[in-house]
PDB file of N, CA and C in Angstrom:
ATOM      1  N   MET A   1       6.832 -17.522 -13.915  1.00  0.00           N
ATOM      2  CA  MET A   1       6.253 -16.473 -13.093  1.00  0.00           C
ATOM      3  C   MET A   1       6.972 -15.145 -13.323  1.00  0.00           C
ATOM      4  N   ASP A   2       8.276 -15.204 -13.614  1.00  0.00           N
ATOM      5  CA  ASP A   2       9.010 -13.961 -13.781  1.00  0.00           C
ATOM      6  C   ASP A   2       8.448 -13.114 -14.923  1.00  0.00           C
ATOM      7  N   ARG A   3       8.069 -13.749 -16.030  1.00  0.00           N
ATOM      8  CA  ARG A   3       7.516 -12.987 -17.160  1.00  0.00           C
ATOM      9  C   ARG A   3       6.191 -12.339 -16.803  1.00  0.00           C
ATOM     10  N   VAL A   4       5.392 -13.036 -16.016  1.00  0.00           N
ATOM     11  CA  VAL A   4       4.102 -12.487 -15.582  1.00  0.00           C
ATOM     12  C   VAL A   4       4.322 -11.227 -14.748  1.00  0.00           C
ATOM     13  N   PHE A   5       5.259 -11.290 -13.803  1.00  0.00           N
ATOM     14  CA  PHE A   5       5.507 -10.127 -12.951  1.00  0.00           C
ATOM     15  C   PHE A   5       6.148  -8.985 -13.729  1.00  0.00           C
ATOM     16  N   TYR A   6       7.025  -9.288 -14.689  1.00  0.00           N
ATOM     17  CA  TYR A   6       7.574  -8.222 -15.538  1.00  0.00           C
ATOM     18  C   TYR A   6       6.457  -7.548 -16.328  1.00  0.00           C
ATOM     19  N   LEU A   7       5.552  -8.357 -16.883  1.00  0.00           N
ATOM     20  CA  LEU A   7       4.449  -7.817 -17.668  1.00  0.00           C
ATOM     21  C   LEU A   7       3.520  -6.958 -16.809  1.00  0.00           C
ATOM     22  N   ILE A   8       3.099  -7.480 -15.665  1.00  0.00           N
ATOM     23  CA  ILE A   8       2.212  -6.716 -14.792  1.00  0.00           C
ATOM     24  C   ILE A   8       2.914  -5.454 -14.287  1.00  0.00           C
ATOM     25  N   GLY A   9       4.197  -5.559 -13.973  1.00  0.00           N
ATOM     26  CA  GLY A   9       4.950  -4.388 -13.532  1.00  0.00           C
ATOM     27  C   GLY A   9       5.011  -3.314 -14.602  1.00  0.00           C
ATOM     28  N   ALA A  10       5.243  -3.716 -15.833  1.00  0.00           N
ATOM     29  CA  ALA A  10       5.318  -2.744 -16.925  1.00  0.00           C
ATOM     30  C   ALA A  10       3.964  -2.079 -17.164  1.00  0.00           C
ATOM     31  N   VAL A  11       2.905  -2.872 -17.144  1.00  0.00           N
ATOM     32  CA  VAL A  11       1.565  -2.307 -17.321  1.00  0.00           C
ATOM     33  C   VAL A  11       1.226  -1.377 -16.155  1.00  0.00           C
ATOM     34  N   SER A  12       1.572  -1.778 -14.945  1.00  0.00           N
ATOM     35  CA  SER A  12       1.304  -0.952 -13.778  1.00  0.00           C
ATOM     36  C   SER A  12       2.076   0.369 -13.848  1.00  0.00           C
ATOM     37  N   ALA A  13       3.317   0.324 -14.296  1.00  0.00           N
ATOM     38  CA  ALA A  13       4.099   1.554 -14.449  1.00  0.00           C
ATOM     39  C   ALA A  13       3.474   2.459 -15.512  1.00  0.00           C
ATOM     40  N   PHE A  14       3.024   1.866 -16.608  1.00  0.00           N
ATOM     41  CA  PHE A  14       2.346   2.631 -17.656  1.00  0.00           C
ATOM     42  C   PHE A  14       1.118   3.341 -17.090  1.00  0.00           C
ATOM     43  N   VAL A  15       0.294   2.582 -16.364  1.00  0.00           N
ATOM     44  CA  VAL A  15      -0.917   3.157 -15.766  1.00  0.00           C
ATOM     45  C   VAL A  15      -0.549   4.229 -14.745  1.00  0.00           C
ATOM     46  N   GLY A  16       0.520   3.994 -13.978  1.00  0.00           N
ATOM     47  CA  GLY A  16       0.964   4.975 -12.999  1.00  0.00           C
ATOM     48  C   GLY A  16       1.378   6.292 -13.642  1.00  0.00           C
ATOM     49  N   VAL A  17       2.114   6.210 -14.745  1.00  0.00           N
ATOM     50  CA  VAL A  17       2.526   7.428 -15.455  1.00  0.00           C
ATOM     51  C   VAL A  17       1.294   8.137 -16.024  1.00  0.00           C
ATOM     52  N   ALA A  18       0.386   7.372 -16.606  1.00  0.00           N
ATOM     53  CA  ALA A  18      -0.838   7.966 -17.160  1.00  0.00           C
ATOM     54  C   ALA A  18      -1.676   8.614 -16.056  1.00  0.00           C
ATOM     55  N   ALA A  19      -1.816   7.930 -14.930  1.00  0.00           N
ATOM     56  CA  ALA A  19      -2.576   8.492 -13.810  1.00  0.00           C
ATOM     57  C   ALA A  19      -1.897   9.744 -13.261  1.00  0.00           C
ATOM     58  N   GLY A  20      -0.581   9.726 -13.191  1.00  0.00           N
ATOM     59  CA  GLY A  20       0.146  10.904 -12.723  1.00  0.00           C
ATOM     60  C   GLY A  20      -0.069  12.102 -13.641  1.00  0.00           C
ATOM     61  N   ALA A  21      -0.023  11.856 -14.936  1.00  0.00           N
ATOM     62  CA  ALA A  21      -0.258  12.942 -15.897  1.00  0.00           C
ATOM     63  C   ALA A  21      -1.702  13.431 -15.807  1.00  0.00           C
ATOM     64  N   PHE A  22      -2.642  12.505 -15.662  1.00  0.00           N
ATOM     65  CA  PHE A  22      -4.047  12.870 -15.514  1.00  0.00           C
ATOM     66  C   PHE A  22      -4.249  13.715 -14.266  1.00  0.00           C
ATOM     67  N   GLY A  23      -3.610  13.310 -13.173  1.00  0.00           N
ATOM     68  CA  GLY A  23      -3.728  14.073 -11.934  1.00  0.00           C
ATOM     69  C   GLY A  23      -3.142  15.464 -12.062  1.00  0.00           C
ATOM     70  N   ALA A  24      -1.972  15.550 -12.673  1.00  0.00           N
ATOM     71  CA  ALA A  24      -1.281  16.836 -12.780  1.00  0.00           C
ATOM     72  C   ALA A  24      -1.974  17.789 -13.741  1.00  0.00           C
ATOM     73  N   HIS A  25      -2.550  17.248 -14.802  1.00  0.00           N
ATOM     74  CA  HIS A  25      -3.118  18.117 -15.834  1.00  0.00           C
ATOM     75  C   HIS A  25      -4.644  18.139 -15.848  1.00  0.00           C
ATOM     76  N   GLY A  26      -5.265  17.017 -15.543  1.00  0.00           N
ATOM     77  CA  GLY A  26      -6.720  16.949 -15.648  1.00  0.00           C
ATOM     78  C   GLY A  26      -7.470  17.170 -14.350  1.00  0.00           C
ATOM     79  N   LEU A  27      -6.800  16.960 -13.241  1.00  0.00           N
ATOM     80  CA  LEU A  27      -7.497  17.051 -11.959  1.00  0.00           C
ATOM     81  C   LEU A  27      -7.127  18.277 -11.143  1.00  0.00           C
ATOM     82  N   LYS A  28      -6.082  18.963 -11.540  1.00  0.00           N
ATOM     83  CA  LYS A  28      -5.577  20.090 -10.746  1.00  0.00           C
ATOM     84  C   LYS A  28      -6.659  21.124 -10.445  1.00  0.00           C
ATOM     85  N   GLU A  29      -7.507  21.399 -11.398  1.00  0.00           N
ATOM     86  CA  GLU A  29      -8.557  22.409 -11.222  1.00  0.00           C
ATOM     87  C   GLU A  29      -9.849  21.805 -10.674  1.00  0.00           C
ATOM     88  N   ARG A  30      -9.954  20.473 -10.658  1.00  0.00           N
ATOM     89  CA  ARG A  30     -11.207  19.835 -10.261  1.00  0.00           C
ATOM     90  C   ARG A  30     -11.226  19.307  -8.841  1.00  0.00           C
ATOM     91  N   LEU A  31     -10.047  19.036  -8.281  1.00  0.00           N
ATOM     92  CA  LEU A  31      -9.974  18.476  -6.934  1.00  0.00           C
ATOM     93  C   LEU A  31      -9.393  19.496  -5.963  1.00  0.00           C
ATOM     94  N   SER A  32      -9.774  19.352  -4.715  1.00  0.00           N
ATOM     95  CA  SER A  32      -9.150  20.184  -3.687  1.00  0.00           C
ATOM     96  C   SER A  32      -7.682  19.768  -3.568  1.00  0.00           C
ATOM     97  N   ALA A  33      -6.888  20.606  -2.957  1.00  0.00           N
ATOM     98  CA  ALA A  33      -5.471  20.284  -2.761  1.00  0.00           C
ATOM     99  C   ALA A  33      -5.323  18.998  -1.952  1.00  0.00           C
ATOM    100  N   GLU A  34      -6.197  18.809  -0.960  1.00  0.00           N
ATOM    101  CA  GLU A  34      -6.141  17.594  -0.137  1.00  0.00           C
ATOM    102  C   GLU A  34      -6.421  16.343  -0.962  1.00  0.00           C
ATOM    103  N   MET A  35      -7.459  16.381  -1.789  1.00  0.00           N
ATOM    104  CA  MET A  35      -7.813  15.203  -2.591  1.00  0.00           C
ATOM    105  C   MET A  35      -6.799  14.961  -3.706  1.00  0.00           C
ATOM    106  N   LEU A  36      -6.205  16.025  -4.240  1.00  0.00           N
ATOM    107  CA  LEU A  36      -5.150  15.854  -5.236  1.00  0.00           C
ATOM    108  C   LEU A  36      -3.942  15.180  -4.606  1.00  0.00           C
ATOM    109  N   ALA A  37      -3.618  15.535  -3.366  1.00  0.00           N
ATOM    110  CA  ALA A  37      -2.512  14.890  -2.655  1.00  0.00           C
ATOM    111  C   ALA A  37      -2.820  13.412  -2.411  1.00  0.00           C
ATOM    112  N   VAL A  38      -4.067  13.089  -2.120  1.00  0.00           N
ATOM    113  CA  VAL A  38      -4.471  11.684  -1.942  1.00  0.00           C
ATOM    114  C   VAL A  38      -4.269  10.927  -3.247  1.00  0.00           C
ATOM    115  N   PHE A  39      -4.707  11.515  -4.345  1.00  0.00           N
ATOM    116  CA  PHE A  39      -4.541  10.895  -5.660  1.00  0.00           C
ATOM    117  C   PHE A  39      -3.060  10.668  -5.956  1.00  0.00           C
ATOM    118  N   GLU A  40      -2.243  11.682  -5.702  1.00  0.00           N
ATOM    119  CA  GLU A  40      -0.805  11.584  -5.959  1.00  0.00           C
ATOM    120  C   GLU A  40      -0.134  10.519  -5.089  1.00  0.00           C
ATOM    121  N   THR A  41      -0.622  10.319  -3.881  1.00  0.00           N
ATOM    122  CA  THR A  41      -0.091   9.238  -3.035  1.00  0.00           C
ATOM    123  C   THR A  41      -0.377   7.884  -3.683  1.00  0.00           C
ATOM    124  N   GLY A  42      -1.561   7.716  -4.225  1.00  0.00           N
ATOM    125  CA  GLY A  42      -1.882   6.481  -4.941  1.00  0.00           C
ATOM    126  C   GLY A  42      -0.949   6.249  -6.109  1.00  0.00           C
ATOM    127  N   VAL A  43      -0.681   7.303  -6.875  1.00  0.00           N
ATOM    128  CA  VAL A  43       0.238   7.199  -8.019  1.00  0.00           C
ATOM    129  C   VAL A  43       1.631   6.820  -7.544  1.00  0.00           C
ATOM    130  N   ARG A  44       2.105   7.489  -6.507  1.00  0.00           N
ATOM    131  CA  ARG A  44       3.471   7.244  -6.015  1.00  0.00           C
ATOM    132  C   ARG A  44       3.645   5.792  -5.582  1.00  0.00           C
ATOM    133  N   TYR A  45       2.704   5.274  -4.804  1.00  0.00           N
ATOM    134  CA  TYR A  45       2.821   3.891  -4.349  1.00  0.00           C
ATOM    135  C   TYR A  45       2.623   2.893  -5.479  1.00  0.00           C
ATOM    136  N   GLN A  46       1.810   3.241  -6.472  1.00  0.00           N
ATOM    137  CA  GLN A  46       1.680   2.366  -7.630  1.00  0.00           C
ATOM    138  C   GLN A  46       3.011   2.277  -8.365  1.00  0.00           C
ATOM    139  N   MET A  47       3.684   3.405  -8.532  1.00  0.00           N
ATOM    140  CA  MET A  47       4.972   3.387  -9.225  1.00  0.00           C
ATOM    141  C   MET A  47       6.030   2.631  -8.425  1.00  0.00           C
ATOM    142  N   TYR A  48       6.088   2.865  -7.117  1.00  0.00           N
ATOM    143  CA  TYR A  48       7.048   2.120  -6.293  1.00  0.00           C
ATOM    144  C   TYR A  48       6.853   0.623  -6.481  1.00  0.00           C
ATOM    145  N   HIS A  49       5.608   0.205  -6.495  1.00  0.00           N
ATOM    146  CA  HIS A  49       5.350  -1.228  -6.503  1.00  0.00           C
ATOM    147  C   HIS A  49       5.319  -1.826  -7.911  1.00  0.00           C
ATOM    148  N   ALA A  50       5.277  -0.975  -8.930  1.00  0.00           N
ATOM    149  CA  ALA A  50       5.552  -1.462 -10.288  1.00  0.00           C
ATOM    150  C   ALA A  50       7.016  -1.911 -10.341  1.00  0.00           C
ATOM    151  N   PHE A  51       7.895  -1.101  -9.742  1.00  0.00           N
ATOM    152  CA  PHE A  51       9.310  -1.481  -9.685  1.00  0.00           C
ATOM    153  C   PHE A  51       9.522  -2.676  -8.757  1.00  0.00           C
ATOM    154  N   ALA A  52       8.729  -2.753  -7.694  1.00  0.00           N
ATOM    155  CA  ALA A  52       8.811  -3.919  -6.808  1.00  0.00           C
ATOM    156  C   ALA A  52       8.447  -5.193  -7.571  1.00  0.00           C
ATOM    157  N   LEU A  53       7.515  -5.090  -8.514  1.00  0.00           N
ATOM    158  CA  LEU A  53       7.179  -6.256  -9.331  1.00  0.00           C
ATOM    159  C   LEU A  53       8.357  -6.676 -10.206  1.00  0.00           C
ATOM    160  N   PHE A  54       9.143  -5.718 -10.675  1.00  0.00           N
ATOM    161  CA  PHE A  54      10.360  -6.075 -11.412  1.00  0.00           C
ATOM    162  C   PHE A  54      11.331  -6.823 -10.505  1.00  0.00           C
ATOM    163  N   ALA A  55      11.435  -6.383  -9.259  1.00  0.00           N
ATOM    164  CA  ALA A  55      12.296  -7.085  -8.295  1.00  0.00           C
ATOM    165  C   ALA A  55      11.770  -8.487  -8.028  1.00  0.00           C
ATOM    166  N   ALA A  56      10.458  -8.622  -7.903  1.00  0.00           N
ATOM    167  CA  ALA A  56       9.868  -9.949  -7.685  1.00  0.00           C
ATOM    168  C   ALA A  56      10.088 -10.845  -8.903  1.00  0.00           C
ATOM    169  N   ALA A  57      10.003 -10.270 -10.095  1.00  0.00           N
ATOM    170  CA  ALA A  57      10.247 -11.043 -11.315  1.00  0.00           C
ATOM    171  C   ALA A  57      11.690 -11.533 -11.358  1.00  0.00           C
ATOM    172  N   TRP A  58      12.609 -10.643 -11.048  1.00  0.00           N
ATOM    173  CA  TRP A  58      14.019 -11.038 -11.031  1.00  0.00           C
ATOM    174  C   TRP A  58      14.253 -12.126  -9.988  1.00  0.00           C
ATOM    175  N   ALA A  59      13.672 -11.944  -8.800  1.00  0.00           N
ATOM    176  CA  ALA A  59      13.828 -12.944  -7.735  1.00  0.00           C
ATOM    177  C   ALA A  59      13.210 -14.274  -8.140  1.00  0.00           C
ATOM    178  N   ALA A  60      12.083 -14.235  -8.841  1.00  0.00           N
ATOM    179  CA  ALA A  60      11.428 -15.474  -9.279  1.00  0.00           C
ATOM    180  C   ALA A  60      12.285 -16.223 -10.289  1.00  0.00           C
ATOM    181  N   SER A  61      13.045 -15.491 -11.095  1.00  0.00           N
ATOM    182  CA  SER A  61      13.924 -16.166 -12.055  1.00  0.00           C
ATOM    183  C   SER A  61      15.158 -16.743 -11.370  1.00  0.00           C
ATOM    184  N   ARG A  62      15.527 -16.154 -10.259  1.00  0.00           N
ATOM    185  CA  ARG A  62      16.721 -16.590  -9.540  1.00  0.00           C
ATOM    186  C   ARG A  62      16.420 -17.596  -8.441  1.00  0.00           C
ATOM    187  N   TRP A  63      15.338 -17.353  -7.688  1.00  0.00           N
ATOM    188  CA  TRP A  63      14.939 -18.216  -6.570  1.00  0.00           C
ATOM    189  C   TRP A  63      13.459 -18.572  -6.706  1.00  0.00           C
ATOM    190  N   PRO A  64      13.109 -19.385  -7.694  1.00  0.00           N
ATOM    191  CA  PRO A  64      11.694 -19.699  -7.866  1.00  0.00           C
ATOM    192  C   PRO A  64      11.127 -20.402  -6.634  1.00  0.00           C
ATOM    193  N   GLY A  65       9.882 -20.123  -6.367  1.00  0.00           N
ATOM    194  CA  GLY A  65       9.223 -20.764  -5.239  1.00  0.00           C
ATOM    195  C   GLY A  65       8.041 -19.964  -4.753  1.00  0.00           C
ATOM    196  N   GLY A  66       7.439 -20.487  -3.732  1.00  0.00           N
ATOM    197  CA  GLY A  66       6.225 -19.892  -3.207  1.00  0.00           C
ATOM    198  C   GLY A  66       6.392 -18.497  -2.647  1.00  0.00           C
ATOM    199  N   LEU A  67       7.523 -18.243  -1.999  1.00  0.00           N
ATOM    200  CA  LEU A  67       7.719 -16.918  -1.395  1.00  0.00           C
ATOM    201  C   LEU A  67       7.871 -15.817  -2.441  1.00  0.00           C
ATOM    202  N   THR A  68       8.614 -16.108  -3.504  1.00  0.00           N
ATOM    203  CA  THR A  68       8.767 -15.077  -4.537  1.00  0.00           C
ATOM    204  C   THR A  68       7.449 -14.864  -5.272  1.00  0.00           C
ATOM    205  N   SER A  69       6.709 -15.932  -5.523  1.00  0.00           N
ATOM    206  CA  SER A  69       5.395 -15.781  -6.156  1.00  0.00           C
ATOM    207  C   SER A  69       4.454 -14.992  -5.253  1.00  0.00           C
ATOM    208  N   ALA A  70       4.463 -15.320  -3.982  1.00  0.00           N
ATOM    209  CA  ALA A  70       3.599 -14.602  -3.042  1.00  0.00           C
ATOM    210  C   ALA A  70       3.955 -13.123  -3.001  1.00  0.00           C
ATOM    211  N   SER A  71       5.247 -12.805  -3.037  1.00  0.00           N
ATOM    212  CA  SER A  71       5.635 -11.392  -2.982  1.00  0.00           C
ATOM    213  C   SER A  71       5.055 -10.629  -4.166  1.00  0.00           C
ATOM    214  N   GLY A  72       5.171 -11.188  -5.353  1.00  0.00           N
ATOM    215  CA  GLY A  72       4.634 -10.513  -6.536  1.00  0.00           C
ATOM    216  C   GLY A  72       3.133 -10.329  -6.471  1.00  0.00           C
ATOM    217  N   TRP A  73       2.420 -11.384  -6.096  1.00  0.00           N
ATOM    218  CA  TRP A  73       0.953 -11.279  -6.025  1.00  0.00           C
ATOM    219  C   TRP A  73       0.512 -10.343  -4.921  1.00  0.00           C
ATOM    220  N   LEU A  74       1.264 -10.283  -3.835  1.00  0.00           N
ATOM    221  CA  LEU A  74       0.938  -9.324  -2.779  1.00  0.00           C
ATOM    222  C   LEU A  74       1.171  -7.886  -3.243  1.00  0.00           C
ATOM    223  N   PHE A  75       2.205  -7.660  -4.062  1.00  0.00           N
ATOM    224  CA  PHE A  75       2.417  -6.322  -4.620  1.00  0.00           C
ATOM    225  C   PHE A  75       1.268  -5.946  -5.569  1.00  0.00           C
ATOM    226  N   VAL A  76       0.791  -6.909  -6.345  1.00  0.00           N
ATOM    227  CA  VAL A  76      -0.345  -6.654  -7.231  1.00  0.00           C
ATOM    228  C   VAL A  76      -1.585  -6.310  -6.405  1.00  0.00           C
ATOM    229  N   ALA A  77      -1.870  -7.144  -5.403  1.00  0.00           N
ATOM    230  CA  ALA A  77      -3.045  -6.906  -4.557  1.00  0.00           C
ATOM    231  C   ALA A  77      -2.932  -5.564  -3.835  1.00  0.00           C
ATOM    232  N   GLY A  78      -1.746  -5.264  -3.333  1.00  0.00           N
ATOM    233  CA  GLY A  78      -1.544  -3.994  -2.648  1.00  0.00           C
ATOM    234  C   GLY A  78      -1.787  -2.806  -3.561  1.00  0.00           C
ATOM    235  N   THR A  79      -1.331  -2.901  -4.791  1.00  0.00           N
ATOM    236  CA  THR A  79      -1.544  -1.816  -5.745  1.00  0.00           C
ATOM    237  C   THR A  79      -3.027  -1.609  -6.021  1.00  0.00           C
ATOM    238  N   VAL A  80      -3.728  -2.704  -6.268  1.00  0.00           N
ATOM    239  CA  VAL A  80      -5.162  -2.597  -6.563  1.00  0.00           C
ATOM    240  C   VAL A  80      -5.909  -2.015  -5.364  1.00  0.00           C
ATOM    241  N   ILE A  81      -5.622  -2.535  -4.176  1.00  0.00           N
ATOM    242  CA  ILE A  81      -6.378  -2.112  -2.987  1.00  0.00           C
ATOM    243  C   ILE A  81      -5.923  -0.743  -2.494  1.00  0.00           C
ATOM    244  N   PHE A  82      -4.616  -0.552  -2.315  1.00  0.00           N
ATOM    245  CA  PHE A  82      -4.109   0.714  -1.772  1.00  0.00           C
ATOM    246  C   PHE A  82      -4.310   1.849  -2.774  1.00  0.00           C
ATOM    247  N   SER A  83      -3.661   1.739  -3.912  1.00  0.00           N
ATOM    248  CA  SER A  83      -3.750   2.828  -4.892  1.00  0.00           C
ATOM    249  C   SER A  83      -5.171   2.965  -5.425  1.00  0.00           C
ATOM    250  N   GLY A  84      -5.804   1.837  -5.707  1.00  0.00           N
ATOM    251  CA  GLY A  84      -7.173   1.890  -6.228  1.00  0.00           C
ATOM    252  C   GLY A  84      -8.128   2.594  -5.286  1.00  0.00           C
ATOM    253  N   SER A  85      -8.033   2.279  -3.997  1.00  0.00           N
ATOM    254  CA  SER A  85      -8.938   2.933  -3.039  1.00  0.00           C
ATOM    255  C   SER A  85      -8.652   4.433  -2.946  1.00  0.00           C
ATOM    256  N   LEU A  86      -7.379   4.815  -3.048  1.00  0.00           N
ATOM    257  CA  LEU A  86      -7.055   6.244  -3.003  1.00  0.00           C
ATOM    258  C   LEU A  86      -7.539   6.969  -4.253  1.00  0.00           C
ATOM    259  N   TYR A  87      -7.452   6.314  -5.409  1.00  0.00           N
ATOM    260  CA  TYR A  87      -7.970   6.922  -6.635  1.00  0.00           C
ATOM    261  C   TYR A  87      -9.475   7.143  -6.523  1.00  0.00           C
ATOM    262  N   VAL A  88     -10.185   6.114  -6.101  1.00  0.00           N
ATOM    263  CA  VAL A  88     -11.646   6.231  -6.005  1.00  0.00           C
ATOM    264  C   VAL A  88     -12.034   7.243  -4.924  1.00  0.00           C
ATOM    265  N   LEU A  89     -11.345   7.208  -3.800  1.00  0.00           N
ATOM    266  CA  LEU A  89     -11.612   8.168  -2.720  1.00  0.00           C
ATOM    267  C   LEU A  89     -11.454   9.605  -3.212  1.00  0.00           C
ATOM    268  N   SER A  90     -10.345   9.873  -3.882  1.00  0.00           N
ATOM    269  CA  SER A  90     -10.081  11.247  -4.315  1.00  0.00           C
ATOM    270  C   SER A  90     -11.062  11.701  -5.392  1.00  0.00           C
ATOM    271  N   LEU A  91     -11.491  10.796  -6.244  1.00  0.00           N
ATOM    272  CA  LEU A  91     -12.386  11.174  -7.341  1.00  0.00           C
ATOM    273  C   LEU A  91     -13.850  11.241  -6.935  1.00  0.00           C
ATOM    274  N   THR A  92     -14.235  10.464  -5.915  1.00  0.00           N
ATOM    275  CA  THR A  92     -15.644  10.406  -5.526  1.00  0.00           C
ATOM    276  C   THR A  92     -15.939  11.059  -4.184  1.00  0.00           C
ATOM    277  N   GLY A  93     -14.923  11.189  -3.345  1.00  0.00           N
ATOM    278  CA  GLY A  93     -15.126  11.722  -2.010  1.00  0.00           C
ATOM    279  C   GLY A  93     -15.710  10.711  -1.028  1.00  0.00           C
ATOM    280  N   LEU A  94     -15.790   9.444  -1.413  1.00  0.00           N
ATOM    281  CA  LEU A  94     -16.314   8.405  -0.525  1.00  0.00           C
ATOM    282  C   LEU A  94     -15.286   8.124   0.573  1.00  0.00           C
ATOM    283  N   ARG A  95     -15.448   8.756   1.687  1.00  0.00           N
ATOM    284  CA  ARG A  95     -14.468   8.695   2.780  1.00  0.00           C
ATOM    285  C   ARG A  95     -14.306   7.303   3.381  1.00  0.00           C
ATOM    286  N   TRP A  96     -15.335   6.461   3.320  1.00  0.00           N
ATOM    287  CA  TRP A  96     -15.232   5.130   3.909  1.00  0.00           C
ATOM    288  C   TRP A  96     -14.136   4.308   3.233  1.00  0.00           C
ATOM    289  N   LEU A  97     -13.738   4.685   2.030  1.00  0.00           N
ATOM    290  CA  LEU A  97     -12.663   3.959   1.347  1.00  0.00           C
ATOM    291  C   LEU A  97     -11.331   4.112   2.068  1.00  0.00           C
ATOM    292  N   GLY A  98     -11.215   5.146   2.887  1.00  0.00           N
ATOM    293  CA  GLY A  98     -10.007   5.306   3.693  1.00  0.00           C
ATOM    294  C   GLY A  98      -9.794   4.139   4.640  1.00  0.00           C
ATOM    295  N   ALA A  99     -10.864   3.437   4.984  1.00  0.00           N
ATOM    296  CA  ALA A  99     -10.753   2.262   5.858  1.00  0.00           C
ATOM    297  C   ALA A  99     -10.239   1.041   5.093  1.00  0.00           C
ATOM    298  N   VAL A 100     -10.363   1.042   3.784  1.00  0.00           N
ATOM    299  CA  VAL A 100      -9.905  -0.075   2.948  1.00  0.00           C
ATOM    300  C   VAL A 100      -8.415   0.054   2.630  1.00  0.00           C
ATOM    301  N   THR A 101      -7.954   1.269   2.499  1.00  0.00           N
ATOM    302  CA  THR A 101      -6.577   1.545   2.069  1.00  0.00           C
ATOM    303  C   THR A 101      -5.517   0.804   2.890  1.00  0.00           C
ATOM    304  N   PRO A 102      -5.622   0.750   4.227  1.00  0.00           N
ATOM    305  CA  PRO A 102      -4.585   0.052   4.997  1.00  0.00           C
ATOM    306  C   PRO A 102      -4.451  -1.438   4.671  1.00  0.00           C
ATOM    307  N   ILE A 103      -5.507  -2.053   4.169  1.00  0.00           N
ATOM    308  CA  ILE A 103      -5.410  -3.463   3.761  1.00  0.00           C
ATOM    309  C   ILE A 103      -4.401  -3.591   2.627  1.00  0.00           C
ATOM    310  N   GLY A 104      -4.446  -2.643   1.708  1.00  0.00           N
ATOM    311  CA  GLY A 104      -3.453  -2.624   0.632  1.00  0.00           C
ATOM    312  C   GLY A 104      -2.056  -2.382   1.156  1.00  0.00           C
ATOM    313  N   GLY A 105      -1.942  -1.505   2.150  1.00  0.00           N
ATOM    314  CA  GLY A 105      -0.636  -1.269   2.772  1.00  0.00           C
ATOM    315  C   GLY A 105      -0.092  -2.511   3.437  1.00  0.00           C
ATOM    316  N   LEU A 106      -0.967  -3.269   4.078  1.00  0.00           N
ATOM    317  CA  LEU A 106      -0.536  -4.534   4.686  1.00  0.00           C
ATOM    318  C   LEU A 106      -0.081  -5.532   3.621  1.00  0.00           C
ATOM    319  N   ALA A 107      -0.758  -5.540   2.484  1.00  0.00           N
ATOM    320  CA  ALA A 107      -0.334  -6.420   1.382  1.00  0.00           C
ATOM    321  C   ALA A 107       1.059  -6.019   0.893  1.00  0.00           C
ATOM    322  N   PHE A 108       1.314  -4.705   0.780  1.00  0.00           N
ATOM    323  CA  PHE A 108       2.655  -4.248   0.398  1.00  0.00           C
ATOM    324  C   PHE A 108       3.697  -4.740   1.402  1.00  0.00           C
ATOM    325  N   LEU A 109       3.417  -4.548   2.679  1.00  0.00           N
ATOM    326  CA  LEU A 109       4.370  -4.971   3.718  1.00  0.00           C
ATOM    327  C   LEU A 109       4.613  -6.478   3.662  1.00  0.00           C
ATOM    328  N   ALA A 110       3.542  -7.243   3.504  1.00  0.00           N
ATOM    329  CA  ALA A 110       3.685  -8.698   3.423  1.00  0.00           C
ATOM    330  C   ALA A 110       4.485  -9.095   2.188  1.00  0.00           C
ATOM    331  N   GLY A 111       4.287  -8.387   1.096  1.00  0.00           N
ATOM    332  CA  GLY A 111       5.064  -8.660  -0.120  1.00  0.00           C
ATOM    333  C   GLY A 111       6.551  -8.445   0.086  1.00  0.00           C
ATOM    334  N   TRP A 112       6.893  -7.358   0.781  1.00  0.00           N
ATOM    335  CA  TRP A 112       8.311  -7.090   1.060  1.00  0.00           C
ATOM    336  C   TRP A 112       8.887  -8.151   2.002  1.00  0.00           C
ATOM    337  N   LEU A 113       8.101  -8.577   2.980  1.00  0.00           N
ATOM    338  CA  LEU A 113       8.581  -9.635   3.883  1.00  0.00           C
ATOM    339  C   LEU A 113       8.782 -10.944   3.128  1.00  0.00           C
ATOM    340  N   CYS A 114       7.874 -11.284   2.246  1.00  0.00           N
ATOM    341  CA  CYS A 114       8.025 -12.517   1.464  1.00  0.00           C
ATOM    342  C   CYS A 114       9.253 -12.441   0.563  1.00  0.00           C
ATOM    343  N   LEU A 115       9.485 -11.294  -0.043  1.00  0.00           N
ATOM    344  CA  LEU A 115      10.660 -11.135  -0.889  1.00  0.00           C
ATOM    345  C   LEU A 115      11.936 -11.267  -0.073  1.00  0.00           C
ATOM    346  N   ALA A 116      11.953 -10.656   1.109  1.00  0.00           N
ATOM    347  CA  ALA A 116      13.116 -10.777   1.992  1.00  0.00           C
ATOM    348  C   ALA A 116      13.329 -12.231   2.436  1.00  0.00           C
ATOM    349  N   ALA A 117      12.255 -12.919   2.761  1.00  0.00           N
ATOM    350  CA  ALA A 117      12.361 -14.316   3.194  1.00  0.00           C
ATOM    351  C   ALA A 117      12.857 -15.200   2.052  1.00  0.00           C
ATOM    352  N   ALA A 118      12.403 -14.931   0.836  1.00  0.00           N
ATOM    353  CA  ALA A 118      12.884 -15.706  -0.315  1.00  0.00           C
ATOM    354  C   ALA A 118      14.370 -15.521  -0.507  1.00  0.00           C
ATOM    355  N   CYS A 119      14.838 -14.310  -0.332  1.00  0.00           N
ATOM    356  CA  CYS A 119      16.266 -14.021  -0.430  1.00  0.00           C
ATOM    357  C   CYS A 119      17.031 -14.727   0.671  1.00  0.00           C
ATOM    358  N   TRP A 120      16.519 -14.649   1.869  1.00  0.00           N
ATOM    359  CA  TRP A 120      17.181 -15.243   3.037  1.00  0.00           C
ATOM    360  C   TRP A 120      17.303 -16.756   2.876  1.00  0.00           C
ATOM    361  N   LYS A 121      16.239 -17.384   2.398  1.00  0.00           N
ATOM    362  CA  LYS A 121      16.206 -18.850   2.280  1.00  0.00           C
ATOM    363  C   LYS A 121      17.059 -19.383   1.132  1.00  0.00           C
ATOM    364  N   SER A 122      17.436 -18.527   0.206  1.00  0.00           N
ATOM    365  CA  SER A 122      18.153 -19.023  -0.969  1.00  0.00           C
ATOM    366  C   SER A 122      19.565 -19.476  -0.675  1.00  0.00           C
TER     367      SER A 122
END
């Protein structure tokens, strides 16, 4: 599982850097300041949780088990739902996606709790 989380984390970081560059250079003139800030929030949380996947990978190599696996998959789900919804919201203006974003935030929180519990139980 550790290799899977390292791989997904690296790909997620790559996408985060690319999205950040796209936002800074390609969207600056096309989006309002508010929507650009929404896009940048998605990038920031994607990058944070790319690194969180590295932590989950390290934990999986040290304390393999259900909690460490759950933490990594929750970080993946959180990135897709939280950052993904913010990207689509900012690019399309579909405001209802703002109601989906907190589900991704809850996945992030649950991932951190699972990682903490895996550490505690070891």
